[in-house]
Amino acid sequence: MKKLIAIIMVTFLFIACKNETKVDYALFSGKIENAKDQIATIYNGRDKIVEMKVAEDGTFSDTLKVEPGFYTFVHGRENASIYIAPGNVLNMTLDTKEFDESIVYTGVGSENNNYLVAKYLTDEKASGDFAAVYAMEESDFMNKLNEIKDAKEKVFEEAQNLNAEFKTLEKNNLQFEHLNNLQNYPTYHEYYAKKENFVASDEFMKQLETVDFSNADFYENLSSYKGLVQGHYSNKIKESENPSEVFNELINSASPDLKEDLAKMLNYEVSPNNAHNEAYYNGLLAMSTDEAFKSKLTIKYEKVKLLGKGMPSPAFVDYENHKGGKMSLEDLKGKYVYVDVWATWCGPCKREIPYLKEVEKKFHNNNIEFVSTSIDRAKDHNTWVEMVKEKELGGIQLFADSDWNSKFVTDYAIEGIPRFLLIDPDGNIVTADAPRPSDPKLVKLFEELKL
């Protein structure tokens, strides 16, 4: 493999020199040990650039016609940031057993990308426990944030032979990553510190006041800046008493790319518990030019309108019960039903399991059933069977009839998991987006209902 790459590199450079023309493509190849599937993909944001076939021995290669910039390499459920520029002859090796820790690049352009690997691992080590960090009070969090920033900047300063254009972009990237973490603090702190309606102090958020949220070049080239801008406007809409005003501002002044990105991002805010669904729906329609997206959004919006409190719940019918036989929602009438829609591959779902067990235990003798509905694919059925046993999952464990396409799941407009639902003894919706077991609001809700 190394010999082949060397030949490709020599040939590539020879042709470039001979023709004395500007090379507008990059060569990208590699080898994946313990490959998860037969595909490796390069994305630019949400846009798929190329899908590469991974051979039986784990090798892949392709020619990429791309602009210089940051992209995302995806294989299985893992991904890595990668910088690609015309003229690069990159070779990547990795082992899925230790995905990020095992990535190594060689060839033209490798220095930029080996730096990105080192930065990611440094960030991961310095950040530590995500939940614990965001649960910190403002002063401690800021100290931690500066510690993370300093650690990453040290890796940047010590990196050798970085491309000049890359260095310019990355210097800004580090700053925007820092500001992104800062901007996310109020939302995450409210959740992890369990502080309802938390608002950060003006002094703490002061650094964000000087940010220019209208830099088109940064928006096009830096995902960290793109995330910062999207988060800024997302927060602005959520915090507004009249979201339509903010949408109108964006419709009249934002760039086409930002409007399209925000429409796709905020699609998830059209949900059963959003009191401003109509404003979101109209705003997202106006910002997007993607007819397929708008059609799906309209279907979702019409479903969400049927998921209000007191409306008849969509039903599951004859789902496989882990304990044997079949079960339908109708079988549980007369009791409240708390439904956990999850999957064995979903990390956030599994993190809720200990909390769900605690809540189950607390309300074990009350008029409520706890139902966990797996939307794993049919091929992962045995994984579900074994995980229920291994983790000693309680309540009623069911397997949906058609994973994400199950009618119960689509009728509830579920696009992400875990998702929790609460249905009353008459089969009507209490809430189509109930608090998670880890959220104290759930126990408070149960107590208010006097189950």
Protein backbone atom coordinates (compact mmCIF):
# COMPACT_ATOMS: atom_id res chain seq x y z
CA MET A 1 0.00 0.00 0.00
CA LYS A 2 2.78 2.46 0.93
CA LYS A 3 4.58 1.69 -2.35
CA LEU A 4 1.40 2.38 -4.31
CA ILE A 5 0.86 5.71 -2.55
CA ALA A 6 4.46 6.71 -3.25
CA ILE A 7 4.00 5.98 -6.97
CA ILE A 8 0.74 7.99 -7.04
CA MET A 9 2.46 10.92 -5.31
CA VAL A 10 5.40 10.98 -7.74
CA THR A 11 3.11 10.71 -10.76
CA PHE A 12 0.80 13.42 -9.40
CA LEU A 13 3.66 15.85 -8.77
CA PHE A 14 5.32 15.07 -12.10
CA ILE A 15 2.15 15.84 -14.06
CA ALA A 16 1.58 19.04 -12.09
CA CYS A 17 5.11 20.28 -12.78
CA LYS A 18 5.09 19.23 -16.43
CA ASN A 19 1.83 20.96 -17.31
CA GLU A 20 2.57 24.00 -15.14
CA THR A 21 -1.16 24.39 -14.59
CA LYS A 22 -3.00 24.91 -11.35
CA VAL A 23 -4.05 21.57 -9.87
CA ASP A 24 -7.72 21.70 -8.90
CA TYR A 25 -8.03 18.34 -7.20
CA ALA A 26 -6.63 16.30 -4.32
CA LEU A 27 -5.88 12.60 -4.04
CA PHE A 28 -7.19 10.93 -0.91
CA SER A 29 -6.64 7.31 0.07
CA GLY A 30 -6.31 5.22 3.18
CA LYS A 31 -6.85 2.01 5.06
CA ILE A 32 -9.35 1.27 7.82
CA GLU A 33 -8.65 -1.58 10.20
CA ASN A 34 -11.78 -3.30 11.50
CA ALA A 35 -13.98 -1.43 9.03
CA LYS A 36 -17.60 -1.04 10.16
CA ASP A 37 -19.10 -1.00 6.67
CA GLN A 38 -18.18 -0.66 3.01
CA ILE A 39 -18.47 3.11 2.80
CA ALA A 40 -16.39 6.12 3.88
CA THR A 41 -17.84 9.57 3.18
CA ILE A 42 -16.56 13.13 2.95
CA TYR A 43 -19.00 15.91 3.90
CA ASN A 44 -18.89 19.67 3.61
CA GLY A 45 -21.31 20.62 6.36
CA ARG A 46 -24.50 18.69 5.53
CA ASP A 47 -23.53 18.27 1.87
CA LYS A 48 -22.06 14.95 0.81
CA ILE A 49 -18.93 15.52 -1.30
CA VAL A 50 -18.02 11.95 -2.11
CA GLU A 51 -18.87 8.43 -0.98
CA MET A 52 -15.87 6.11 -1.23
CA LYS A 53 -16.07 2.34 -1.39
CA VAL A 54 -14.08 0.57 1.33
CA ALA A 55 -12.61 -2.67 -0.02
CA GLU A 56 -12.51 -5.94 1.91
CA ASP A 57 -8.95 -5.19 3.06
CA GLY A 58 -10.08 -1.77 4.37
CA THR A 59 -8.52 0.34 1.63
CA PHE A 60 -10.20 3.24 -0.13
CA SER A 61 -9.18 6.00 -2.56
CA ASP A 62 -10.68 8.77 -4.64
CA THR A 63 -9.96 12.01 -6.45
CA LEU A 64 -11.58 15.05 -4.86
CA LYS A 65 -12.34 18.29 -6.68
CA VAL A 66 -12.70 20.62 -3.73
CA GLU A 67 -11.93 24.13 -2.58
CA PRO A 68 -9.35 24.43 0.23
CA GLY A 69 -11.13 24.00 3.54
CA PHE A 70 -12.33 21.93 6.45
CA TYR A 71 -14.39 18.83 5.72
CA THR A 72 -15.69 15.87 7.72
CA PHE A 73 -14.62 12.26 7.19
CA VAL A 74 -17.33 9.80 8.26
CA HIS A 75 -17.18 6.03 8.67
CA GLY A 76 -19.83 4.09 10.56
CA ARG A 77 -20.95 6.28 13.45
CA GLU A 78 -17.57 8.00 13.85
CA ASN A 79 -16.23 11.14 12.20
CA ALA A 80 -13.12 13.27 12.08
CA SER A 81 -12.36 16.81 10.93
CA ILE A 82 -10.06 16.93 7.90
CA TYR A 83 -8.47 19.77 5.91
CA ILE A 84 -8.24 19.19 2.17
CA ALA A 85 -6.78 21.46 -0.50
CA PRO A 86 -6.07 21.01 -4.21
CA GLY A 87 -2.63 19.48 -4.64
CA ASN A 88 -2.91 17.35 -1.50
CA VAL A 89 -1.94 13.68 -1.77
CA LEU A 90 -3.26 12.43 1.53
CA ASN A 91 -3.16 8.95 2.98
CA MET A 92 -5.10 8.17 6.15
CA THR A 93 -4.89 5.09 8.37
CA LEU A 94 -7.12 4.33 11.33
CA ASP A 95 -8.48 1.51 13.45
CA THR A 96 -12.16 1.72 14.39
CA LYS A 97 -11.41 0.11 17.77
CA GLU A 98 -9.71 3.39 18.75
CA PHE A 99 -10.97 5.71 16.06
CA ASP A 100 -9.63 9.15 16.96
CA GLU A 101 -6.54 7.90 18.80
CA SER A 102 -5.44 5.78 15.83
CA ILE A 103 -5.71 8.30 12.97
CA VAL A 104 -2.41 9.00 11.20
CA TYR A 105 -1.86 10.93 7.95
CA THR A 106 1.03 10.77 5.52
CA GLY A 107 1.71 12.54 2.24
CA VAL A 108 1.25 16.09 0.99
CA GLY A 109 -1.04 17.94 3.39
CA SER A 110 -0.51 15.48 6.23
CA GLU A 111 0.98 18.05 8.64
CA ASN A 112 -2.28 20.06 8.73
CA ASN A 113 -4.32 16.97 9.44
CA ASN A 114 -2.03 15.36 12.00
CA TYR A 115 -2.27 18.69 13.84
CA LEU A 116 -6.10 18.43 13.76
CA VAL A 117 -5.87 14.95 15.31
CA ALA A 118 -3.55 16.23 18.04
CA LYS A 119 -5.83 19.20 18.71
CA TYR A 120 -8.92 17.00 19.02
CA LEU A 121 -7.23 14.63 21.47
CA THR A 122 -5.91 17.59 23.49
CA ASP A 123 -9.37 19.15 23.58
CA GLU A 124 -10.91 15.86 24.67
CA LYS A 125 -8.38 15.40 27.47
CA ALA A 126 -8.53 19.00 28.68
CA SER A 127 -12.33 19.13 28.58
CA GLY A 128 -12.85 16.02 30.68
CA ASP A 129 -16.40 15.29 31.79
CA PHE A 130 -18.68 17.42 29.58
CA ALA A 131 -21.58 17.40 32.02
CA ALA A 132 -19.39 18.24 35.01
CA VAL A 133 -17.76 21.15 33.15
CA TYR A 134 -21.07 22.74 32.15
CA ALA A 135 -22.44 22.25 35.65
CA MET A 136 -19.68 24.55 36.97
CA GLU A 137 -20.48 28.04 38.19
CA GLU A 138 -19.50 30.92 35.91
CA SER A 139 -16.04 31.71 37.31
CA ASP A 140 -14.94 28.07 37.46
CA PHE A 141 -16.34 27.41 33.98
CA MET A 142 -14.47 30.39 32.53
CA ASN A 143 -11.23 29.21 34.12
CA LYS A 144 -11.79 25.78 32.60
CA LEU A 145 -12.63 27.29 29.22
CA ASN A 146 -9.41 29.32 29.23
CA GLU A 147 -7.46 26.21 30.24
CA ILE A 148 -8.88 24.31 27.26
CA LYS A 149 -8.15 27.23 24.92
CA ASP A 150 -4.56 27.53 26.17
CA ALA A 151 -3.95 23.79 25.73
CA LYS A 152 -5.18 23.85 22.13
CA GLU A 153 -3.24 27.01 21.29
CA LYS A 154 -0.07 25.35 22.58
CA VAL A 155 -0.60 22.44 20.17
CA PHE A 156 -1.11 24.97 17.37
CA GLU A 157 2.04 26.93 18.21
CA GLU A 158 4.17 23.76 18.38
CA ALA A 159 2.87 22.26 15.12
CA GLN A 160 5.43 22.16 12.31
CA ASN A 161 5.10 22.85 8.56
CA LEU A 162 1.47 23.95 8.58
CA ASN A 163 0.18 25.45 5.35
CA ALA A 164 -0.04 29.27 5.51
CA GLU A 165 -3.69 29.43 4.44
CA PHE A 166 -4.56 26.70 6.92
CA LYS A 167 -2.77 28.56 9.75
CA THR A 168 -4.78 31.72 9.08
CA LEU A 169 -8.07 29.83 9.13
CA GLU A 170 -7.15 27.77 12.17
CA LYS A 171 -6.11 30.78 14.24
CA ASN A 172 -9.65 32.15 13.83
CA ASN A 173 -11.11 28.69 14.28
CA LEU A 174 -9.61 28.38 17.77
CA GLN A 175 -11.16 31.68 18.82
CA PHE A 176 -14.59 30.76 17.50
CA GLU A 177 -14.46 27.34 19.18
CA HIS A 178 -13.84 29.14 22.46
CA LEU A 179 -16.74 31.54 21.89
CA ASN A 180 -19.01 28.65 20.89
CA ASN A 181 -18.38 26.97 24.25
CA LEU A 182 -19.13 30.24 25.99
CA GLN A 183 -22.36 30.80 24.03
CA ASN A 184 -23.56 27.28 24.87
CA TYR A 185 -23.04 27.73 28.60
CA PRO A 186 -26.50 29.06 29.63
CA THR A 187 -28.39 26.23 27.89
CA TYR A 188 -26.13 23.42 29.09
CA HIS A 189 -25.71 24.86 32.58
CA GLU A 190 -29.47 25.02 33.04
CA TYR A 191 -29.71 21.34 32.15
CA TYR A 192 -26.65 19.88 33.90
CA ALA A 193 -26.82 22.09 37.01
CA LYS A 194 -30.60 21.54 37.10
CA LYS A 195 -31.34 25.28 37.31
CA GLU A 196 -34.68 26.00 35.73
CA ASN A 197 -34.81 29.26 33.70
CA PHE A 198 -31.09 29.95 34.32
CA VAL A 199 -29.75 33.19 32.84
CA ALA A 200 -26.00 33.90 32.70
CA SER A 201 -24.73 37.27 33.92
CA ASP A 202 -24.12 40.06 31.38
CA GLU A 203 -20.49 40.31 32.45
CA PHE A 204 -19.95 36.58 31.83
CA MET A 205 -21.34 36.76 28.28
CA LYS A 206 -19.61 40.04 27.45
CA GLN A 207 -17.09 38.51 25.03
CA LEU A 208 -19.92 37.72 22.62
CA GLU A 209 -20.91 41.39 22.29
CA THR A 210 -17.97 42.14 19.98
CA VAL A 211 -18.59 39.25 17.57
CA ASP A 212 -19.46 40.12 13.97
CA PHE A 213 -22.16 37.61 13.03
CA SER A 214 -22.23 38.67 9.37
CA ASN A 215 -18.81 37.59 8.03
CA ALA A 216 -19.61 35.64 4.85
CA ASP A 217 -16.05 34.31 4.38
CA PHE A 218 -15.87 32.89 7.88
CA TYR A 219 -19.35 31.44 7.51
CA GLU A 220 -18.33 29.63 4.34
CA ASN A 221 -14.97 28.34 5.60
CA LEU A 222 -15.18 27.76 9.36
CA SER A 223 -17.65 25.34 10.91
CA SER A 224 -16.93 26.83 14.35
CA TYR A 225 -18.04 30.27 13.14
CA LYS A 226 -21.01 28.75 11.34
CA GLY A 227 -22.07 27.06 14.59
CA LEU A 228 -21.57 30.32 16.49
CA VAL A 229 -23.79 32.27 14.09
CA GLN A 230 -26.48 29.61 13.95
CA GLY A 231 -26.50 29.36 17.75
CA HIS A 232 -26.74 33.14 18.06
CA TYR A 233 -29.83 33.40 15.87
CA SER A 234 -31.38 30.25 17.27
CA ASN A 235 -31.10 31.71 20.79
CA LYS A 236 -32.40 35.07 19.59
CA ILE A 237 -35.53 33.43 18.16
CA LYS A 238 -36.11 31.25 21.26
CA GLU A 239 -35.72 34.18 23.64
CA SER A 240 -38.02 36.48 21.68
CA GLU A 241 -41.61 37.02 22.77
CA ASN A 242 -42.40 37.49 19.10
CA PRO A 243 -40.28 35.04 17.03
CA SER A 244 -41.92 36.22 13.80
CA GLU A 245 -40.05 39.53 14.13
CA VAL A 246 -36.68 37.79 14.27
CA PHE A 247 -37.61 35.53 11.36
CA ASN A 248 -38.58 38.57 9.30
CA GLU A 249 -35.24 40.21 10.14
CA LEU A 250 -33.41 37.10 8.92
CA ILE A 251 -35.55 36.75 5.81
CA ASN A 252 -34.74 40.34 4.80
CA SER A 253 -31.05 40.51 5.70
CA ALA A 254 -29.38 37.10 6.16
CA SER A 255 -27.34 35.37 3.45
CA PRO A 256 -29.05 32.60 1.45
CA ASP A 257 -26.71 29.99 2.98
CA LEU A 258 -27.46 31.07 6.54
CA LYS A 259 -31.20 31.09 5.90
CA GLU A 260 -31.11 27.61 4.38
CA ASP A 261 -28.92 26.25 7.20
CA LEU A 262 -31.09 27.79 9.91
CA ALA A 263 -34.24 26.39 8.31
CA LYS A 264 -32.82 22.85 8.43
CA MET A 265 -31.44 23.34 11.94
CA LEU A 266 -34.61 24.83 13.45
CA ASN A 267 -36.83 22.22 11.85
CA TYR A 268 -36.44 20.29 15.13
CA GLU A 269 -38.03 23.17 17.06
CA VAL A 270 -41.36 22.46 15.39
CA SER A 271 -42.44 20.15 18.18
CA PRO A 272 -45.41 19.39 20.45
CA ASN A 273 -44.27 21.62 23.33
CA ASN A 274 -43.40 24.69 21.28
CA ALA A 275 -45.95 27.43 21.88
CA HIS A 276 -44.70 29.28 18.77
CA ASN A 277 -44.99 26.45 16.25
CA GLU A 278 -46.90 28.56 13.74
CA ALA A 279 -44.25 31.31 13.77
CA TYR A 280 -41.49 28.73 13.35
CA TYR A 281 -43.32 26.94 10.56
CA ASN A 282 -43.99 30.12 8.57
CA GLY A 283 -40.49 31.44 9.20
CA LEU A 284 -38.74 28.25 8.12
CA LEU A 285 -40.86 27.99 4.99
CA ALA A 286 -39.94 31.56 4.05
CA MET A 287 -36.21 31.03 4.65
CA SER A 288 -35.85 27.84 2.62
CA THR A 289 -35.82 27.31 -1.14
CA ASP A 290 -35.65 23.52 -0.78
CA GLU A 291 -39.05 22.28 -1.94
CA ALA A 292 -38.48 18.73 -0.65
CA PHE A 293 -37.59 20.09 2.80
CA LYS A 294 -40.64 22.38 2.83
CA SER A 295 -42.91 19.50 1.89
CA LYS A 296 -41.56 17.36 4.76
CA LEU A 297 -41.84 20.30 7.16
CA THR A 298 -45.49 20.78 6.23
CA ILE A 299 -46.24 17.10 6.84
CA LYS A 300 -44.51 17.31 10.20
CA TYR A 301 -46.31 20.52 11.17
CA GLU A 302 -49.70 18.97 10.42
CA LYS A 303 -48.80 15.96 12.60
CA VAL A 304 -47.55 18.13 15.47
CA LYS A 305 -50.87 20.00 15.52
CA LEU A 306 -52.51 16.69 16.45
CA LEU A 307 -50.17 16.05 19.39
CA GLY A 308 -51.48 18.58 21.88
CA LYS A 309 -52.46 17.81 25.44
CA GLY A 310 -55.74 15.90 25.65
CA MET A 311 -55.69 14.68 22.06
CA PRO A 312 -55.98 10.93 21.32
CA SER A 313 -52.54 9.30 21.34
CA PRO A 314 -51.20 7.53 18.27
CA ALA A 315 -51.11 3.82 19.06
CA PHE A 316 -48.62 0.99 18.72
CA VAL A 317 -50.14 -2.38 17.85
CA ASP A 318 -48.76 -5.87 18.46
CA TYR A 319 -45.20 -4.88 19.31
CA GLU A 320 -42.95 -7.74 20.38
CA ASN A 321 -42.64 -7.98 24.16
CA HIS A 322 -39.23 -9.06 25.48
CA LYS A 323 -40.99 -11.21 28.07
CA GLY A 324 -42.93 -12.99 25.34
CA GLY A 325 -46.00 -12.40 23.21
CA LYS A 326 -47.22 -9.12 21.73
CA MET A 327 -48.45 -5.89 23.29
CA SER A 328 -50.48 -2.90 22.09
CA LEU A 329 -51.09 0.49 23.70
CA GLU A 330 -54.74 -0.53 24.05
CA ASP A 331 -53.66 -3.25 26.51
CA LEU A 332 -52.48 -0.56 28.94
CA LYS A 333 -55.68 1.50 29.12
CA GLY A 334 -56.64 2.43 32.65
CA LYS A 335 -53.07 3.41 33.53
CA TYR A 336 -50.75 6.26 32.72
CA VAL A 337 -48.08 5.14 30.23
CA TYR A 338 -44.61 6.67 30.13
CA VAL A 339 -42.98 5.68 26.83
CA ASP A 340 -39.24 5.77 26.19
CA VAL A 341 -38.42 5.59 22.46
CA TRP A 342 -34.79 4.47 22.25
CA ALA A 343 -32.23 2.21 20.49
CA THR A 344 -29.27 0.11 21.60
CA TRP A 345 -26.84 2.23 19.54
CA CYS A 346 -28.00 5.54 21.06
CA GLY A 347 -25.54 6.88 23.66
CA PRO A 348 -27.86 9.52 25.19
CA CYS A 349 -30.59 6.85 25.43
CA LYS A 350 -28.35 4.53 27.41
CA ARG A 351 -27.27 7.37 29.72
CA GLU A 352 -30.90 7.74 30.78
CA ILE A 353 -31.20 4.08 31.87
CA PRO A 354 -29.99 4.50 35.50
CA TYR A 355 -32.32 7.48 35.98
CA LEU A 356 -35.23 5.59 34.44
CA LYS A 357 -34.65 2.71 36.85
CA GLU A 358 -34.75 5.15 39.79
CA VAL A 359 -38.01 6.76 38.63
CA GLU A 360 -39.51 3.31 37.96
CA LYS A 361 -38.63 2.20 41.45
CA LYS A 362 -40.08 5.35 43.02
CA PHE A 363 -43.43 4.98 41.22
CA HIS A 364 -43.53 1.19 41.05
CA ASN A 365 -46.78 0.92 43.04
CA ASN A 366 -48.53 3.81 41.31
CA ASN A 367 -51.01 3.77 38.45
CA ILE A 368 -48.38 3.96 35.71
CA GLU A 369 -46.58 1.62 33.32
CA PHE A 370 -43.07 2.30 32.04
CA VAL A 371 -42.70 1.20 28.42
CA SER A 372 -39.40 1.23 26.52
CA THR A 373 -39.83 0.87 22.76
CA SER A 374 -36.70 0.01 20.80
CA ILE A 375 -36.49 1.30 17.23
CA ASP A 376 -33.44 -0.79 16.40
CA ARG A 377 -33.36 -2.26 12.91
CA ALA A 378 -34.45 -5.87 12.45
CA LYS A 379 -30.84 -6.98 11.95
CA ASP A 380 -30.03 -5.69 15.46
CA HIS A 381 -32.88 -7.57 17.14
CA ASN A 382 -30.52 -9.93 18.99
CA THR A 383 -28.48 -6.98 20.24
CA TRP A 384 -31.69 -5.59 21.78
CA VAL A 385 -32.56 -8.96 23.34
CA GLU A 386 -29.13 -9.26 24.95
CA MET A 387 -28.90 -5.65 26.12
CA VAL A 388 -32.25 -5.86 27.92
CA LYS A 389 -30.90 -8.91 29.77
CA GLU A 390 -27.42 -7.54 30.38
CA LYS A 391 -28.58 -4.17 31.76
CA GLU A 392 -31.52 -5.77 33.59
CA LEU A 393 -33.94 -3.29 32.10
CA GLY A 394 -37.24 -3.09 33.90
CA GLY A 395 -40.72 -2.04 32.89
CA ILE A 396 -42.18 -3.29 29.62
CA GLN A 397 -39.56 -3.77 26.92
CA LEU A 398 -40.95 -3.68 23.37
CA PHE A 399 -39.47 -3.88 19.86
CA ALA A 400 -41.07 -1.57 17.27
CA ASP A 401 -42.36 -3.12 14.05
CA SER A 402 -40.37 -1.01 11.54
CA ASP A 403 -37.63 1.01 13.34
CA TRP A 404 -37.83 4.73 12.39
CA ASN A 405 -40.61 3.98 9.92
CA SER A 406 -42.93 2.50 12.53
CA LYS A 407 -46.32 4.25 12.35
CA PHE A 408 -46.28 5.03 16.07
CA VAL A 409 -42.91 6.77 15.63
CA THR A 410 -43.85 8.74 12.51
CA ASP A 411 -47.26 9.72 13.93
CA TYR A 412 -45.45 11.26 16.90
CA ALA A 413 -43.13 13.07 14.42
CA ILE A 414 -40.09 11.60 16.19
CA GLU A 415 -36.84 12.62 14.48
CA GLY A 416 -34.38 12.14 17.32
CA ILE A 417 -34.02 9.89 20.33
CA PRO A 418 -34.35 9.43 23.21
CA ARG A 419 -37.89 10.75 23.12
CA PHE A 420 -40.30 10.39 26.03
CA LEU A 421 -44.09 10.46 25.88
CA LEU A 422 -46.76 10.45 28.59
CA ILE A 423 -50.24 9.09 27.88
CA ASP A 424 -53.18 9.19 30.32
CA PRO A 425 -55.41 6.25 31.41
CA ASP A 426 -57.95 7.10 28.68
CA GLY A 427 -55.34 6.88 25.93
CA ASN A 428 -55.01 10.64 25.50
CA ILE A 429 -51.78 12.63 25.34
CA VAL A 430 -50.53 14.29 28.52
CA THR A 431 -47.35 15.45 26.75
CA ALA A 432 -45.85 14.32 23.46
CA ASP A 433 -42.41 15.47 24.59
CA ALA A 434 -42.14 14.55 28.27
CA PRO A 435 -39.15 15.34 30.52
CA ARG A 436 -36.33 12.81 30.52
CA PRO A 437 -35.86 10.58 33.58
CA SER A 438 -32.72 12.56 34.47
CA ASP A 439 -34.77 15.78 34.59
CA PRO A 440 -36.30 16.56 38.04
CA LYS A 441 -39.29 17.99 36.16
CA LEU A 442 -40.44 14.43 35.45
CA VAL A 443 -40.96 13.48 39.09
CA LYS A 444 -42.59 16.87 39.66
CA LEU A 445 -44.99 16.15 36.78
CA PHE A 446 -45.87 12.72 38.15
CA GLU A 447 -46.49 14.16 41.59
CA GLU A 448 -48.74 16.89 40.16
CA LEU A 449 -50.80 14.22 38.35
CA LYS A 450 -51.19 12.26 41.61
CA LEU A 451 -50.67 8.96 39.81
